[in-house]
Amino acid sequence: MAPSILIVEDEAEIASYLRRGLAYEGFQVEVATDGPSALALAREHPPTWCCSM
């Protein structure tokens, strides 16, 4: 199973670049655009890593 990462970024273009790059490196990537949605995603699918930009 691939390690997972949760990215918290409100700018769609930056989030897209990060998602593509990390997916290419083998991560399962989830993106949240704000704190409340990040917490909800983290509860549903606990990530191996979390990155807040």
C-alpha atoms as a PDB file:
ATOM      1  CA  MET A   1       0.000   0.000   0.000  1.00  0.00           C
ATOM      2  CA  ALA A   2       1.346   3.418  -0.989  1.00  0.00           C
ATOM      3  CA  PRO A   3       2.027   5.988   1.724  1.00  0.00           C
ATOM      4  CA  SER A   4      -0.627   8.693   1.814  1.00  0.00           C
ATOM      5  CA  ILE A   5      -0.275  12.431   2.145  1.00  0.00           C
ATOM      6  CA  LEU A   6      -2.839  15.124   2.904  1.00  0.00           C
ATOM      7  CA  ILE A   7      -2.105  18.504   1.320  1.00  0.00           C
ATOM      8  CA  VAL A   8      -3.862  21.571   2.702  1.00  0.00           C
ATOM      9  CA  GLU A   9      -3.652  24.338   0.103  1.00  0.00           C
ATOM     10  CA  ASP A  10      -6.251  26.918  -0.907  1.00  0.00           C
ATOM     11  CA  GLU A  11      -4.710  27.791  -4.288  1.00  0.00           C
ATOM     12  CA  ALA A  12      -5.917  25.250  -6.856  1.00  0.00           C
ATOM     13  CA  GLU A  13      -2.915  25.573  -9.184  1.00  0.00           C
ATOM     14  CA  ILE A  14      -0.375  24.953  -6.417  1.00  0.00           C
ATOM     15  CA  ALA A  15      -2.428  22.046  -5.063  1.00  0.00           C
ATOM     16  CA  SER A  16      -2.575  20.542  -8.553  1.00  0.00           C
ATOM     17  CA  TYR A  17       1.216  20.747  -9.009  1.00  0.00           C
ATOM     18  CA  LEU A  18       1.796  19.176  -5.612  1.00  0.00           C
ATOM     19  CA  ARG A  19      -0.755  16.417  -6.252  1.00  0.00           C
ATOM     20  CA  ARG A  20       0.759  15.464  -9.615  1.00  0.00           C
ATOM     21  CA  GLY A  21       4.338  15.500  -8.357  1.00  0.00           C
ATOM     22  CA  LEU A  22       3.627  13.466  -5.247  1.00  0.00           C
ATOM     23  CA  ALA A  23       1.416  10.982  -7.109  1.00  0.00           C
ATOM     24  CA  TYR A  24       4.251  10.511  -9.607  1.00  0.00           C
ATOM     25  CA  GLU A  25       6.541   9.671  -6.672  1.00  0.00           C
ATOM     26  CA  GLY A  26       4.102   6.991  -5.512  1.00  0.00           C
ATOM     27  CA  PHE A  27       2.016   8.754  -2.868  1.00  0.00           C
ATOM     28  CA  GLN A  28      -1.735   8.442  -2.544  1.00  0.00           C
ATOM     29  CA  VAL A  29      -2.674  12.150  -2.397  1.00  0.00           C
ATOM     30  CA  GLU A  30      -5.694  13.878  -0.852  1.00  0.00           C
ATOM     31  CA  VAL A  31      -6.124  17.666  -1.100  1.00  0.00           C
ATOM     32  CA  ALA A  32      -8.121  19.933   1.205  1.00  0.00           C
ATOM     33  CA  THR A  33      -8.667  23.643   0.613  1.00  0.00           C
ATOM     34  CA  ASP A  34      -9.255  24.690   4.231  1.00  0.00           C
ATOM     35  CA  GLY A  35      -8.845  23.562   7.819  1.00  0.00           C
ATOM     36  CA  PRO A  36     -12.307  22.066   8.402  1.00  0.00           C
ATOM     37  CA  SER A  37     -12.190  19.969   5.234  1.00  0.00           C
ATOM     38  CA  ALA A  38      -8.628  18.882   6.076  1.00  0.00           C
ATOM     39  CA  LEU A  39      -9.758  17.654   9.489  1.00  0.00           C
ATOM     40  CA  ALA A  40     -12.687  15.781   7.933  1.00  0.00           C
ATOM     41  CA  LEU A  41     -10.413  14.094   5.362  1.00  0.00           C
ATOM     42  CA  ALA A  42      -7.841  13.224   8.033  1.00  0.00           C
ATOM     43  CA  ARG A  43     -10.544  11.575  10.132  1.00  0.00           C
ATOM     44  CA  GLU A  44     -11.923   9.605   7.156  1.00  0.00           C
ATOM     45  CA  HIS A  45      -8.567   8.583   5.690  1.00  0.00           C
ATOM     46  CA  PRO A  46      -5.733   9.085   8.204  1.00  0.00           C
ATOM     47  CA  PRO A  47      -2.670  10.122   6.170  1.00  0.00           C
ATOM     48  CA  THR A  48       0.885   8.929   6.637  1.00  0.00           C
ATOM     49  CA  TRP A  49       2.005  12.560   6.136  1.00  0.00           C
ATOM     50  CA  CYS A  50       0.302  15.954   6.235  1.00  0.00           C
ATOM     51  CA  CYS A  51       1.528  19.109   4.471  1.00  0.00           C
ATOM     52  CA  SER A  52       0.003  22.516   5.115  1.00  0.00           C
ATOM     53  CA  MET A  53       1.090  25.288   2.772  1.00  0.00           C
END
